[in-house]
Structure formats: structure tokens, C-alpha cells
Amino acid sequence: MKRWGLLILSAGLLGWGTPGRGEEAPPKRICSLTLATDEMLAALVEPERVVGVSRFVDSAGISNVVGRYPASIPRIRADLERIIALRPDLVCVASYNTADFLELLGKSNLPVFKHGDTNSLAGVMQALTALGERVGAQARAKRVVADMERRLSELRTALDSLSVRPKVLYWSDGWTAGGRTTVGEMIERAGGVNVAADLEGMKELSIERALAADPDVLLLVAWQAGKPATAEDLPPTLRALRAVREGRVLSVEGRYLSAVSQFAVDGAEHLARKLHPECFQKP
């Protein structure tokens, strides 16, 4: 604890971004600790202003910005000592960083941007707007959000004529997406009905409850790029689902379904094309 106290004191004495200084210049040394903020910053600032990104940024299975950041930019974890050594004037985190780390970071006096609502597309848009203001890229953020809104509107129009919306169950190693999740919202915006909507957040789901839900479509996530998830990956008991027996199993890359940045719209579009290809056929 003494070591962390000295680090925190050092950050404060050096005056790295003490808040409340009136008109502040846009940060020039931004450190991002989450893939969501890595992806947002890729649309808002030049890579030269980023001094650290998350260790997931190069993972093709989950990252939508592979190749965006040069290898010279450190890939980091929630390591306060290393973060302080980078001398950032803004540290970007999200609500899912651990509470202990967020508390420690708060005591360091480093300026922090927190992506708070990672459970909805509206929250993503609010975070983009707020981050754009924080880094002096309001115009860029406005364009990104406007593009998201336009594409969601076009998606809604494309699916307007649906008479039947299939019941969809998201399954990933025993976990499902309930209400107040971006995955659940993607399912609904893609023309499906999330059968786990009565749950809240990402929840463990028993095989018995999955069987009782009897979805029309089973949605699996492929965490490794180029390797689709298949029914063979399921527990044997779960293969008794009607959706599996009738061949209605969809595999979607993790980078689409796990996005809590502007790329969440890509996820909704991609899923909609898989669920309702007939709605996107050109005349």
C-alpha cells in the first residue's frame, strides 16, 4: 500500500491534468484501458495523441480496430504504475473496470473519462459525444453519432415489413444476454425477440431454462476470428433444442456482439442480415 501511495502522490505532485482549471487544452497524451474506448478514440483522434491502448486492441476475434494503432503504442492492462509512467493527460476507462482499480485511479489525480453506460446503444452514443467533447473532437463525434442514428433508422425501415420476428437465444459458454444489454438490443433491432429479456444484464443460464425457452434461433458467438461457432461446441443436452435440430444456429463474430462502441451498429446490421436475408436483397 505504501508503494501505491507514493505513486499516487507522485502523480498529484506532477500535476497531470488536475481537473477544474477552466478552459483546458485538449489532451495530447491519452491512455485507453478498454477496447470500447480504443474503438471510440480511433474515430475521434489521430493515433499520435494516444500513448496507450488496451491489450485487446489487436485481437481480431473481438477488436474492430485491428491495425489502427501502431505497434509502438504500448498495449497495457489496468496497471497504475505503468499508466503513471506514460504521463497521460487523460485516462479512458469503462464501468466494467474493477471497482478497486477505479478507486485507486481516482486517488491518483489523473484526469479520467469513464464510459458509464455500456448496456445500450443510446449509452454508447452519449459516451461518444462526451468523449468527443473531452478530447476536443466534438465535430467528429457528432458525425459518428449521426451516422449511427442514420444506419439504425435505415435498419428499422428495412425490417418494417416483417410479420414474424423469431425468438432468439444468445448463448456463450452458459451465459446469455438479458434485458439492458447491447446484445439484447442488437437482437431486437435486428428483427428478433430476445427470449432472455426478462433477465437483466449478462446472466448464467441453466440448460434446463434454455430448453424451456425453446427459441426459434440459437445465437452463438465466435470468439476466434475465422472459426465459426457450431452446434458441435454445445453441451450434448443443449443439442436437443428445436433450433439446433432444425439447423437454425447462427454464428456471429465476437467483435460484432461484444462491441460497446460505434461498432455496435455493425453488430445489429450483421445480425439482421443473418436473421432476415430476404429484407436486404436488392431488386
C-alpha atoms as a PDB file:
ATOM      1  CA  MET A   1       0.000   0.000   0.000  1.00  0.00           C
ATOM      2  CA  LYS A   2       2.918   2.362   0.732  1.00  0.00           C
ATOM      3  CA  ARG A   3       4.184   1.852  -2.820  1.00  0.00           C
ATOM      4  CA  TRP A   4       0.790   2.754  -4.327  1.00  0.00           C
ATOM      5  CA  GLY A   5       0.558   5.766  -2.017  1.00  0.00           C
ATOM      6  CA  LEU A   6       3.896   7.074  -3.299  1.00  0.00           C
ATOM      7  CA  LEU A   7       2.809   6.556  -6.910  1.00  0.00           C
ATOM      8  CA  ILE A   8      -0.450   8.382  -6.330  1.00  0.00           C
ATOM      9  CA  LEU A   9       1.356  11.223  -4.533  1.00  0.00           C
ATOM     10  CA  SER A  10       3.844  11.484  -7.411  1.00  0.00           C
ATOM     11  CA  ALA A  11       1.053  11.785  -9.972  1.00  0.00           C
ATOM     12  CA  GLY A  12      -0.594  14.521  -7.917  1.00  0.00           C
ATOM     13  CA  LEU A  13       2.596  16.490  -7.335  1.00  0.00           C
ATOM     14  CA  LEU A  14       3.423  16.431 -11.024  1.00  0.00           C
ATOM     15  CA  GLY A  15       0.006  17.990 -11.683  1.00  0.00           C
ATOM     16  CA  TRP A  16      -1.007  15.702 -14.519  1.00  0.00           C
ATOM     17  CA  GLY A  17      -4.383  17.013 -15.515  1.00  0.00           C
ATOM     18  CA  THR A  18      -5.786  18.308 -12.273  1.00  0.00           C
ATOM     19  CA  PRO A  19      -9.481  18.932 -13.026  1.00  0.00           C
ATOM     20  CA  GLY A  20     -11.280  22.223 -12.606  1.00  0.00           C
ATOM     21  CA  ARG A  21      -8.864  24.541 -14.426  1.00  0.00           C
ATOM     22  CA  GLY A  22     -11.434  26.343 -16.567  1.00  0.00           C
ATOM     23  CA  GLU A  23     -10.675  26.249 -20.286  1.00  0.00           C
ATOM     24  CA  GLU A  24      -8.463  23.212 -20.795  1.00  0.00           C
ATOM     25  CA  ALA A  25      -6.458  22.376 -23.884  1.00  0.00           C
ATOM     26  CA  PRO A  26      -7.444  19.059 -25.483  1.00  0.00           C
ATOM     27  CA  PRO A  27      -5.417  16.168 -24.066  1.00  0.00           C
ATOM     28  CA  LYS A  28      -2.356  15.173 -26.077  1.00  0.00           C
ATOM     29  CA  ARG A  29      -1.385  12.010 -24.190  1.00  0.00           C
ATOM     30  CA  ILE A  30      -4.451   9.778 -23.983  1.00  0.00           C
ATOM     31  CA  CYS A  31      -4.335   6.341 -22.382  1.00  0.00           C
ATOM     32  CA  SER A  32      -7.186   3.904 -23.086  1.00  0.00           C
ATOM     33  CA  LEU A  33      -7.716   0.910 -20.813  1.00  0.00           C
ATOM     34  CA  THR A  34     -10.728  -0.641 -22.565  1.00  0.00           C
ATOM     35  CA  LEU A  35     -11.420  -1.934 -26.046  1.00  0.00           C
ATOM     36  CA  ALA A  36     -14.552   0.246 -26.205  1.00  0.00           C
ATOM     37  CA  THR A  37     -12.576   3.449 -25.749  1.00  0.00           C
ATOM     38  CA  ASP A  38      -9.824   2.161 -28.078  1.00  0.00           C
ATOM     39  CA  GLU A  39     -12.508   1.896 -30.765  1.00  0.00           C
ATOM     40  CA  MET A  40     -14.081   5.265 -29.970  1.00  0.00           C
ATOM     41  CA  LEU A  41     -10.745   7.080 -29.990  1.00  0.00           C
ATOM     42  CA  ALA A  42      -9.927   5.538 -33.374  1.00  0.00           C
ATOM     43  CA  ALA A  43     -12.781   7.614 -34.815  1.00  0.00           C
ATOM     44  CA  LEU A  44     -12.072  10.761 -32.825  1.00  0.00           C
ATOM     45  CA  VAL A  45      -8.317  11.436 -32.665  1.00  0.00           C
ATOM     46  CA  GLU A  46      -5.113  10.718 -34.519  1.00  0.00           C
ATOM     47  CA  PRO A  47      -3.043   7.794 -33.185  1.00  0.00           C
ATOM     48  CA  GLU A  48      -0.240  10.216 -32.304  1.00  0.00           C
ATOM     49  CA  ARG A  49      -2.330  11.502 -29.408  1.00  0.00           C
ATOM     50  CA  VAL A  50      -2.723   8.026 -27.896  1.00  0.00           C
ATOM     51  CA  VAL A  51       0.057   6.789 -25.597  1.00  0.00           C
ATOM     52  CA  GLY A  52      -1.521   3.515 -24.514  1.00  0.00           C
ATOM     53  CA  VAL A  53      -4.301   1.171 -25.625  1.00  0.00           C
ATOM     54  CA  SER A  54      -5.839  -1.959 -24.174  1.00  0.00           C
ATOM     55  CA  ARG A  55      -4.233  -5.364 -24.603  1.00  0.00           C
ATOM     56  CA  PHE A  56      -7.285  -6.487 -26.607  1.00  0.00           C
ATOM     57  CA  VAL A  57      -6.859  -3.994 -29.431  1.00  0.00           C
ATOM     58  CA  ASP A  58      -5.028  -6.476 -31.699  1.00  0.00           C
ATOM     59  CA  SER A  59      -7.341  -9.441 -31.033  1.00  0.00           C
ATOM     60  CA  ALA A  60      -9.076  -9.986 -34.365  1.00  0.00           C
ATOM     61  CA  GLY A  61     -11.886 -12.020 -32.810  1.00  0.00           C
ATOM     62  CA  ILE A  62     -13.132  -9.145 -30.648  1.00  0.00           C
ATOM     63  CA  SER A  63     -11.492  -5.936 -31.891  1.00  0.00           C
ATOM     64  CA  ASN A  64     -12.897  -3.754 -34.666  1.00  0.00           C
ATOM     65  CA  VAL A  65      -9.725  -1.640 -34.892  1.00  0.00           C
ATOM     66  CA  VAL A  66      -7.029  -4.220 -35.568  1.00  0.00           C
ATOM     67  CA  GLY A  67      -4.159  -2.418 -37.321  1.00  0.00           C
ATOM     68  CA  ARG A  68      -5.368   1.050 -36.351  1.00  0.00           C
ATOM     69  CA  TYR A  69      -2.753   1.667 -33.656  1.00  0.00           C
ATOM     70  CA  PRO A  70       0.982   1.294 -34.436  1.00  0.00           C
ATOM     71  CA  ALA A  71       2.917  -1.349 -32.539  1.00  0.00           C
ATOM     72  CA  SER A  72       4.966   1.444 -30.948  1.00  0.00           C
ATOM     73  CA  ILE A  73       1.958   2.374 -28.781  1.00  0.00           C
ATOM     74  CA  PRO A  74       2.084   0.267 -25.599  1.00  0.00           C
ATOM     75  CA  ARG A  75      -0.622  -2.327 -25.008  1.00  0.00           C
ATOM     76  CA  ILE A  76      -1.468  -2.110 -21.319  1.00  0.00           C
ATOM     77  CA  ARG A  77      -3.541  -3.582 -18.529  1.00  0.00           C
ATOM     78  CA  ALA A  78      -5.049  -1.819 -15.516  1.00  0.00           C
ATOM     79  CA  ASP A  79      -1.568  -1.297 -14.030  1.00  0.00           C
ATOM     80  CA  LEU A  80      -1.358   2.068 -12.269  1.00  0.00           C
ATOM     81  CA  GLU A  81       2.443   2.106 -12.106  1.00  0.00           C
ATOM     82  CA  ARG A  82       2.767   1.648 -15.857  1.00  0.00           C
ATOM     83  CA  ILE A  83      -0.038   4.107 -16.570  1.00  0.00           C
ATOM     84  CA  ILE A  84       1.632   6.828 -14.497  1.00  0.00           C
ATOM     85  CA  ALA A  85       4.922   6.164 -16.318  1.00  0.00           C
ATOM     86  CA  LEU A  86       3.182   7.026 -19.612  1.00  0.00           C
ATOM     87  CA  ARG A  87       2.424  10.541 -18.272  1.00  0.00           C
ATOM     88  CA  PRO A  88      -1.129  10.647 -19.642  1.00  0.00           C
ATOM     89  CA  ASP A  89      -3.268  13.771 -19.514  1.00  0.00           C
ATOM     90  CA  LEU A  90      -6.409  11.634 -19.890  1.00  0.00           C
ATOM     91  CA  VAL A  91      -7.114   8.024 -18.900  1.00  0.00           C
ATOM     92  CA  CYS A  92     -10.143   6.334 -20.511  1.00  0.00           C
ATOM     93  CA  VAL A  93     -11.910   3.580 -18.585  1.00  0.00           C
ATOM     94  CA  ALA A  94     -15.340   1.933 -18.522  1.00  0.00           C
ATOM     95  CA  SER A  95     -17.850   0.898 -15.903  1.00  0.00           C
ATOM     96  CA  TYR A  96     -16.676  -2.710 -16.133  1.00  0.00           C
ATOM     97  CA  ASN A  97     -13.142  -1.941 -14.940  1.00  0.00           C
ATOM     98  CA  THR A  98     -12.791  -3.295 -11.401  1.00  0.00           C
ATOM     99  CA  ALA A  99     -14.057  -1.090  -8.592  1.00  0.00           C
ATOM    100  CA  ASP A 100     -10.731  -1.368  -6.729  1.00  0.00           C
ATOM    101  CA  PHE A 101      -8.767  -0.152  -9.723  1.00  0.00           C
ATOM    102  CA  LEU A 102     -11.181   2.713 -10.433  1.00  0.00           C
ATOM    103  CA  GLU A 103     -10.916   3.817  -6.795  1.00  0.00           C
ATOM    104  CA  LEU A 104      -7.125   3.711  -6.946  1.00  0.00           C
ATOM    105  CA  LEU A 105      -7.102   5.597 -10.245  1.00  0.00           C
ATOM    106  CA  GLY A 106      -9.389   8.246  -8.762  1.00  0.00           C
ATOM    107  CA  LYS A 107      -6.930   8.842  -5.917  1.00  0.00           C
ATOM    108  CA  SER A 108      -4.049   9.300  -8.376  1.00  0.00           C
ATOM    109  CA  ASN A 109      -5.360  12.714  -9.505  1.00  0.00           C
ATOM    110  CA  LEU A 110      -5.013  11.660 -13.130  1.00  0.00           C
ATOM    111  CA  PRO A 111      -7.879  13.019 -15.261  1.00  0.00           C
ATOM    112  CA  VAL A 112     -10.295  10.229 -16.140  1.00  0.00           C
ATOM    113  CA  PHE A 113     -13.010   9.667 -18.741  1.00  0.00           C
ATOM    114  CA  LYS A 114     -15.434   6.894 -17.819  1.00  0.00           C
ATOM    115  CA  HIS A 115     -17.661   5.155 -20.373  1.00  0.00           C
ATOM    116  CA  GLY A 116     -20.518   4.637 -17.951  1.00  0.00           C
ATOM    117  CA  ASP A 117     -23.459   3.129 -19.848  1.00  0.00           C
ATOM    118  CA  THR A 118     -22.197   0.097 -21.750  1.00  0.00           C
ATOM    119  CA  ASN A 119     -25.640  -1.523 -21.754  1.00  0.00           C
ATOM    120  CA  SER A 120     -27.416   0.323 -24.565  1.00  0.00           C
ATOM    121  CA  LEU A 121     -26.797   1.944 -27.929  1.00  0.00           C
ATOM    122  CA  ALA A 122     -28.139   5.220 -26.526  1.00  0.00           C
ATOM    123  CA  GLY A 123     -25.493   4.989 -23.807  1.00  0.00           C
ATOM    124  CA  VAL A 124     -22.814   4.340 -26.417  1.00  0.00           C
ATOM    125  CA  MET A 125     -23.880   7.450 -28.340  1.00  0.00           C
ATOM    126  CA  GLN A 126     -23.869   9.542 -25.175  1.00  0.00           C
ATOM    127  CA  ALA A 127     -20.375   8.285 -24.351  1.00  0.00           C
ATOM    128  CA  LEU A 128     -19.131   9.105 -27.849  1.00  0.00           C
ATOM    129  CA  THR A 129     -20.497  12.626 -27.542  1.00  0.00           C
ATOM    130  CA  ALA A 130     -18.964  13.090 -24.094  1.00  0.00           C
ATOM    131  CA  LEU A 131     -15.585  11.672 -25.134  1.00  0.00           C
ATOM    132  CA  GLY A 132     -15.604  13.876 -28.238  1.00  0.00           C
ATOM    133  CA  GLU A 133     -16.081  16.921 -26.034  1.00  0.00           C
ATOM    134  CA  ARG A 134     -13.349  15.772 -23.658  1.00  0.00           C
ATOM    135  CA  VAL A 135     -10.742  15.323 -26.404  1.00  0.00           C
ATOM    136  CA  GLY A 136     -11.735  18.384 -28.442  1.00  0.00           C
ATOM    137  CA  ALA A 137     -13.303  16.380 -31.272  1.00  0.00           C
ATOM    138  CA  GLN A 138     -16.917  17.482 -30.967  1.00  0.00           C
ATOM    139  CA  ALA A 139     -17.463  17.689 -34.729  1.00  0.00           C
ATOM    140  CA  ARG A 140     -16.093  14.206 -35.337  1.00  0.00           C
ATOM    141  CA  ALA A 141     -18.181  12.754 -32.527  1.00  0.00           C
ATOM    142  CA  LYS A 142     -21.281  14.433 -33.902  1.00  0.00           C
ATOM    143  CA  ARG A 143     -20.672  12.877 -37.315  1.00  0.00           C
ATOM    144  CA  VAL A 144     -20.107   9.408 -35.842  1.00  0.00           C
ATOM    145  CA  VAL A 145     -23.297   9.583 -33.778  1.00  0.00           C
ATOM    146  CA  ALA A 146     -25.285  10.938 -36.744  1.00  0.00           C
ATOM    147  CA  ASP A 147     -24.036   8.036 -38.861  1.00  0.00           C
ATOM    148  CA  MET A 148     -25.102   5.554 -36.171  1.00  0.00           C
ATOM    149  CA  GLU A 149     -28.565   7.101 -35.990  1.00  0.00           C
ATOM    150  CA  ARG A 150     -28.924   7.096 -39.777  1.00  0.00           C
ATOM    151  CA  ARG A 151     -27.964   3.448 -40.090  1.00  0.00           C
ATOM    152  CA  LEU A 152     -30.278   2.387 -37.277  1.00  0.00           C
ATOM    153  CA  SER A 153     -33.112   4.260 -38.970  1.00  0.00           C
ATOM    154  CA  GLU A 154     -32.368   2.525 -42.265  1.00  0.00           C
ATOM    155  CA  LEU A 155     -32.273  -0.823 -40.482  1.00  0.00           C
ATOM    156  CA  ARG A 156     -35.657  -0.161 -38.910  1.00  0.00           C
ATOM    157  CA  THR A 157     -37.070   0.724 -42.334  1.00  0.00           C
ATOM    158  CA  ALA A 158     -35.629  -2.430 -43.914  1.00  0.00           C
ATOM    159  CA  LEU A 159     -37.351  -4.589 -41.291  1.00  0.00           C
ATOM    160  CA  ASP A 160     -40.662  -2.715 -41.197  1.00  0.00           C
ATOM    161  CA  SER A 161     -42.449  -5.289 -43.316  1.00  0.00           C
ATOM    162  CA  LEU A 162     -41.652  -8.245 -41.026  1.00  0.00           C
ATOM    163  CA  SER A 163     -44.740 -10.163 -40.000  1.00  0.00           C
ATOM    164  CA  VAL A 164     -42.899 -12.660 -37.816  1.00  0.00           C
ATOM    165  CA  ARG A 165     -39.961 -11.999 -35.555  1.00  0.00           C
ATOM    166  CA  PRO A 166     -38.125 -15.154 -34.441  1.00  0.00           C
ATOM    167  CA  LYS A 167     -37.399 -15.868 -30.800  1.00  0.00           C
ATOM    168  CA  VAL A 168     -33.629 -15.690 -30.355  1.00  0.00           C
ATOM    169  CA  LEU A 169     -31.487 -17.047 -27.533  1.00  0.00           C
ATOM    170  CA  TYR A 170     -27.901 -15.828 -27.199  1.00  0.00           C
ATOM    171  CA  TRP A 171     -25.627 -18.493 -25.721  1.00  0.00           C
ATOM    172  CA  SER A 172     -21.936 -18.229 -24.848  1.00  0.00           C
ATOM    173  CA  ASP A 173     -20.472 -20.927 -22.607  1.00  0.00           C
ATOM    174  CA  GLY A 174     -23.503 -20.963 -20.339  1.00  0.00           C
ATOM    175  CA  TRP A 175     -24.117 -17.205 -20.387  1.00  0.00           C
ATOM    176  CA  THR A 176     -26.920 -15.313 -22.077  1.00  0.00           C
ATOM    177  CA  ALA A 177     -27.776 -11.658 -22.730  1.00  0.00           C
ATOM    178  CA  GLY A 178     -30.824 -10.406 -20.888  1.00  0.00           C
ATOM    179  CA  GLY A 179     -32.506  -7.016 -20.890  1.00  0.00           C
ATOM    180  CA  ARG A 180     -30.336  -3.891 -20.587  1.00  0.00           C
ATOM    181  CA  THR A 181     -27.517  -5.348 -22.672  1.00  0.00           C
ATOM    182  CA  THR A 182     -26.234  -4.211 -26.031  1.00  0.00           C
ATOM    183  CA  VAL A 183     -26.535  -7.791 -27.303  1.00  0.00           C
ATOM    184  CA  GLY A 184     -30.178  -7.926 -26.268  1.00  0.00           C
ATOM    185  CA  GLU A 185     -30.795  -4.614 -28.010  1.00  0.00           C
ATOM    186  CA  MET A 186     -28.985  -5.843 -31.134  1.00  0.00           C
ATOM    187  CA  ILE A 187     -31.309  -8.853 -31.258  1.00  0.00           C
ATOM    188  CA  GLU A 188     -34.391  -6.640 -31.045  1.00  0.00           C
ATOM    189  CA  ARG A 189     -33.101  -4.102 -33.586  1.00  0.00           C
ATOM    190  CA  ALA A 190     -32.156  -6.968 -35.915  1.00  0.00           C
ATOM    191  CA  GLY A 191     -35.764  -8.156 -36.085  1.00  0.00           C
ATOM    192  CA  GLY A 192     -35.680 -10.794 -33.379  1.00  0.00           C
ATOM    193  CA  VAL A 193     -37.233 -11.275 -29.951  1.00  0.00           C
ATOM    194  CA  ASN A 194     -34.770 -11.786 -27.121  1.00  0.00           C
ATOM    195  CA  VAL A 195     -36.193 -14.705 -25.146  1.00  0.00           C
ATOM    196  CA  ALA A 196     -33.979 -13.804 -22.164  1.00  0.00           C
ATOM    197  CA  ALA A 197     -35.242 -10.210 -21.975  1.00  0.00           C
ATOM    198  CA  ASP A 198     -36.866 -10.884 -18.597  1.00  0.00           C
ATOM    199  CA  LEU A 199     -33.383 -11.268 -17.132  1.00  0.00           C
ATOM    200  CA  GLU A 200     -31.220  -8.178 -16.635  1.00  0.00           C
ATOM    201  CA  GLY A 201     -27.639  -7.974 -17.796  1.00  0.00           C
ATOM    202  CA  MET A 202     -25.374 -10.844 -18.796  1.00  0.00           C
ATOM    203  CA  LYS A 203     -26.537 -13.878 -16.805  1.00  0.00           C
ATOM    204  CA  GLU A 204     -25.647 -17.513 -16.395  1.00  0.00           C
ATOM    205  CA  LEU A 205     -28.404 -19.680 -17.856  1.00  0.00           C
ATOM    206  CA  SER A 206     -29.042 -23.279 -16.994  1.00  0.00           C
ATOM    207  CA  ILE A 207     -29.510 -25.789 -19.782  1.00  0.00           C
ATOM    208  CA  GLU A 208     -32.950 -26.562 -18.363  1.00  0.00           C
ATOM    209  CA  ARG A 209     -34.038 -22.942 -18.720  1.00  0.00           C
ATOM    210  CA  ALA A 210     -32.526 -22.731 -22.215  1.00  0.00           C
ATOM    211  CA  LEU A 211     -34.547 -25.787 -23.252  1.00  0.00           C
ATOM    212  CA  ALA A 212     -37.695 -24.328 -21.715  1.00  0.00           C
ATOM    213  CA  ALA A 213     -37.205 -21.085 -23.681  1.00  0.00           C
ATOM    214  CA  ASP A 214     -37.498 -23.095 -26.922  1.00  0.00           C
ATOM    215  CA  PRO A 215     -36.006 -20.396 -29.202  1.00  0.00           C
ATOM    216  CA  ASP A 216     -36.544 -20.339 -32.945  1.00  0.00           C
ATOM    217  CA  VAL A 217     -32.893 -19.349 -33.402  1.00  0.00           C
ATOM    218  CA  LEU A 218     -29.845 -20.097 -31.269  1.00  0.00           C
ATOM    219  CA  LEU A 219     -27.249 -17.303 -31.495  1.00  0.00           C
ATOM    220  CA  LEU A 220     -23.659 -18.356 -30.816  1.00  0.00           C
ATOM    221  CA  VAL A 221     -20.621 -16.120 -30.604  1.00  0.00           C
ATOM    222  CA  ALA A 222     -17.359 -16.938 -32.403  1.00  0.00           C
ATOM    223  CA  TRP A 223     -14.563 -15.567 -30.246  1.00  0.00           C
ATOM    224  CA  GLN A 224     -11.774 -16.659 -32.610  1.00  0.00           C
ATOM    225  CA  ALA A 225     -11.527 -14.900 -35.953  1.00  0.00           C
ATOM    226  CA  GLY A 226     -12.131 -17.249 -38.855  1.00  0.00           C
ATOM    227  CA  LYS A 227     -13.505 -20.026 -36.658  1.00  0.00           C
ATOM    228  CA  PRO A 228     -17.338 -20.061 -36.574  1.00  0.00           C
ATOM    229  CA  ALA A 229     -19.120 -21.408 -33.525  1.00  0.00           C
ATOM    230  CA  THR A 230     -21.157 -24.536 -34.294  1.00  0.00           C
ATOM    231  CA  ALA A 231     -23.649 -26.829 -32.603  1.00  0.00           C
ATOM    232  CA  GLU A 232     -20.765 -29.242 -32.025  1.00  0.00           C
ATOM    233  CA  ASP A 233     -19.439 -26.755 -29.431  1.00  0.00           C
ATOM    234  CA  LEU A 234     -22.617 -27.054 -27.364  1.00  0.00           C
ATOM    235  CA  PRO A 235     -23.168 -29.336 -24.377  1.00  0.00           C
ATOM    236  CA  PRO A 236     -24.810 -32.531 -25.691  1.00  0.00           C
ATOM    237  CA  THR A 237     -28.034 -31.876 -23.771  1.00  0.00           C
ATOM    238  CA  LEU A 238     -28.441 -28.459 -25.392  1.00  0.00           C
ATOM    239  CA  ARG A 239     -28.319 -30.001 -28.857  1.00  0.00           C
ATOM    240  CA  ALA A 240     -31.870 -31.193 -28.176  1.00  0.00           C
ATOM    241  CA  LEU A 241     -33.120 -27.646 -28.779  1.00  0.00           C
ATOM    242  CA  ARG A 242     -35.569 -27.405 -31.652  1.00  0.00           C
ATOM    243  CA  ALA A 243     -33.448 -24.609 -33.176  1.00  0.00           C
ATOM    244  CA  VAL A 244     -30.439 -26.945 -33.254  1.00  0.00           C
ATOM    245  CA  ARG A 245     -32.392 -29.914 -34.621  1.00  0.00           C
ATOM    246  CA  GLU A 246     -33.821 -27.762 -37.407  1.00  0.00           C
ATOM    247  CA  GLY A 247     -30.487 -26.159 -38.274  1.00  0.00           C
ATOM    248  CA  ARG A 248     -31.275 -22.635 -37.093  1.00  0.00           C
ATOM    249  CA  VAL A 249     -27.993 -21.934 -35.359  1.00  0.00           C
ATOM    250  CA  LEU A 250     -26.288 -18.621 -36.151  1.00  0.00           C
ATOM    251  CA  SER A 251     -22.625 -17.883 -35.515  1.00  0.00           C
ATOM    252  CA  VAL A 252     -21.611 -14.216 -35.242  1.00  0.00           C
ATOM    253  CA  GLU A 253     -18.086 -12.952 -34.634  1.00  0.00           C
ATOM    254  CA  GLY A 254     -17.380 -11.663 -31.161  1.00  0.00           C
ATOM    255  CA  ARG A 255     -16.233  -8.295 -32.498  1.00  0.00           C
ATOM    256  CA  TYR A 256     -19.809  -7.616 -33.598  1.00  0.00           C
ATOM    257  CA  LEU A 257     -21.620  -8.810 -30.487  1.00  0.00           C
ATOM    258  CA  SER A 258     -19.204  -7.551 -27.829  1.00  0.00           C
ATOM    259  CA  ALA A 259     -18.885  -4.010 -29.217  1.00  0.00           C
ATOM    260  CA  VAL A 260     -19.931  -1.192 -26.889  1.00  0.00           C
ATOM    261  CA  SER A 261     -18.651   1.500 -29.231  1.00  0.00           C
ATOM    262  CA  GLN A 262     -19.887   2.844 -32.570  1.00  0.00           C
ATOM    263  CA  PHE A 263     -19.318  -0.664 -33.956  1.00  0.00           C
ATOM    264  CA  ALA A 264     -22.375  -1.934 -32.056  1.00  0.00           C
ATOM    265  CA  VAL A 265     -24.414  -0.755 -35.057  1.00  0.00           C
ATOM    266  CA  ASP A 266     -22.355  -3.083 -37.254  1.00  0.00           C
ATOM    267  CA  GLY A 267     -23.442  -5.873 -34.920  1.00  0.00           C
ATOM    268  CA  ALA A 268     -27.140  -5.065 -35.307  1.00  0.00           C
ATOM    269  CA  GLU A 269     -26.819  -4.819 -39.096  1.00  0.00           C
ATOM    270  CA  HIS A 270     -24.807  -8.029 -39.375  1.00  0.00           C
ATOM    271  CA  LEU A 271     -27.269  -9.968 -37.218  1.00  0.00           C
ATOM    272  CA  ALA A 272     -30.260  -8.593 -39.151  1.00  0.00           C
ATOM    273  CA  ARG A 273     -28.789  -9.831 -42.434  1.00  0.00           C
ATOM    274  CA  LYS A 274     -28.366 -13.286 -40.928  1.00  0.00           C
ATOM    275  CA  LEU A 275     -31.852 -13.402 -39.432  1.00  0.00           C
ATOM    276  CA  HIS A 276     -33.689 -11.815 -42.372  1.00  0.00           C
ATOM    277  CA  PRO A 277     -31.598 -12.025 -45.553  1.00  0.00           C
ATOM    278  CA  GLU A 278     -34.761 -11.549 -47.631  1.00  0.00           C
ATOM    279  CA  CYS A 279     -35.098  -7.975 -46.359  1.00  0.00           C
ATOM    280  CA  PHE A 280     -31.741  -6.992 -47.826  1.00  0.00           C
ATOM    281  CA  GLN A 281     -31.921  -8.489 -51.300  1.00  0.00           C
ATOM    282  CA  LYS A 282     -31.539  -5.846 -53.971  1.00  0.00           C
ATOM    283  CA  PRO A 283     -34.380  -5.633 -56.547  1.00  0.00           C
END
